[in-house]
Protein backbone atom coordinates (compact mmCIF):
# COMPACT_ATOMS: atom_id res chain seq x y z
CA UNK A 1 30.57 24.07 176.48
CA UNK A 2 32.34 23.87 173.14
CA UNK A 3 30.16 22.96 170.16
CA UNK A 4 31.41 22.19 166.67
CA UNK A 5 30.11 20.95 163.33
CA UNK A 6 32.02 17.71 163.59
CA UNK A 7 30.23 16.28 166.65
CA UNK A 8 26.82 17.79 165.82
CA UNK A 9 26.04 18.22 169.52
CA UNK A 10 23.40 20.63 170.73
CA UNK A 11 22.88 22.59 173.93
CA UNK A 12 19.40 22.80 175.47
CA UNK A 13 18.69 25.53 178.02
CA UNK A 14 15.52 26.12 180.03
CA UNK A 15 13.56 29.35 179.60
CA UNK A 16 14.97 32.51 181.24
CA UNK A 17 18.55 31.22 181.39
CA UNK A 18 21.10 33.76 180.23
CA UNK A 19 23.36 32.38 177.52
CA UNK A 20 25.92 33.62 175.08
CA UNK A 21 28.34 32.32 172.53
CA UNK A 22 31.62 33.25 170.95
CA UNK A 23 32.55 31.99 167.49
CA UNK A 24 36.19 30.93 167.34
CA UNK A 25 36.19 29.79 163.71
CA UNK A 26 35.98 31.71 160.43
CA UNK A 27 32.27 30.86 160.06
CA UNK A 28 29.50 29.36 162.18
CA UNK A 29 25.90 28.25 161.78
CA UNK A 30 23.68 29.06 164.77
CA UNK A 31 20.11 27.79 165.10
CA UNK A 32 17.70 28.61 167.92
CA UNK A 33 14.61 26.65 168.88
CA UNK A 34 12.29 28.66 171.13
CA UNK A 35 9.54 27.40 173.43
CA UNK A 36 7.25 30.23 172.29
CA UNK A 37 7.02 32.87 169.58
CA UNK A 38 9.74 35.53 169.64
CA UNK A 39 8.52 38.97 170.73
CA UNK A 40 10.86 41.80 169.66
CA UNK A 41 11.84 43.88 172.66
CA UNK A 42 11.22 41.10 175.18
CA UNK A 43 14.79 39.86 175.03
CA UNK A 44 17.44 40.96 177.49
CA UNK A 45 21.19 41.29 177.13
CA UNK A 46 23.97 41.45 179.69
CA UNK A 47 27.49 42.75 179.21
CA UNK A 48 29.58 39.92 177.81
CA UNK A 49 32.57 41.06 179.88
CA UNK A 50 30.73 41.78 183.15
CA UNK A 51 33.40 41.19 185.83
CA UNK A 52 30.72 39.92 188.22
CA UNK A 53 30.10 36.97 185.86
CA UNK A 54 33.81 36.13 185.67
CA UNK A 55 33.48 34.33 182.33
CA UNK A 56 36.56 32.89 180.65
CA UNK A 57 35.93 33.66 176.97
CA UNK A 58 38.23 31.94 174.45
CA UNK A 59 39.04 35.17 172.56
CA UNK A 60 40.28 38.13 174.57
CA UNK A 61 39.50 40.81 171.95
CA UNK A 62 36.35 39.69 170.10
CA UNK A 63 34.28 41.56 167.52
CA UNK A 64 31.13 42.62 169.40
CA UNK A 65 27.77 43.68 167.99
CA UNK A 66 26.53 47.17 168.86
CA UNK A 67 23.73 45.62 170.92
CA UNK A 68 26.13 43.53 172.99
CA UNK A 69 28.64 46.36 173.34
CA UNK A 70 25.92 48.52 174.94
CA UNK A 71 24.46 45.79 177.18
CA UNK A 72 24.38 46.59 180.91
CA UNK A 73 26.05 44.64 183.67
CA UNK A 74 23.80 42.18 185.51
CA UNK A 75 23.87 44.36 188.67
CA UNK A 76 22.45 47.27 186.65
CA UNK A 77 19.27 45.38 185.68
CA UNK A 78 16.20 45.16 187.90
CA UNK A 79 15.49 41.47 187.31
CA UNK A 80 12.40 41.53 189.55
CA UNK A 81 10.84 44.13 187.24
CA UNK A 82 11.89 42.24 184.12
CA UNK A 83 10.28 38.99 185.27
CA UNK A 84 7.27 40.48 187.06
CA UNK A 85 3.97 38.79 186.10
């Protein structure tokens, strides 16, 4: 999905859906609306370039945050343990 300031569209995702974004302009405004209060440490990251996800990112050589650069591949995460009650 491509979002821009001109159309003012939004993307709504249900809880526990992995999502990511790549800014392709010089600047971007990002706003998140959460269904519950944010708890530091409860978030989860996956490698942006995980070959198992086969994502076609617009920029081949992006600037990546340290957190995202160190994120594990999906296959390396025990999702049952992460989402255990």
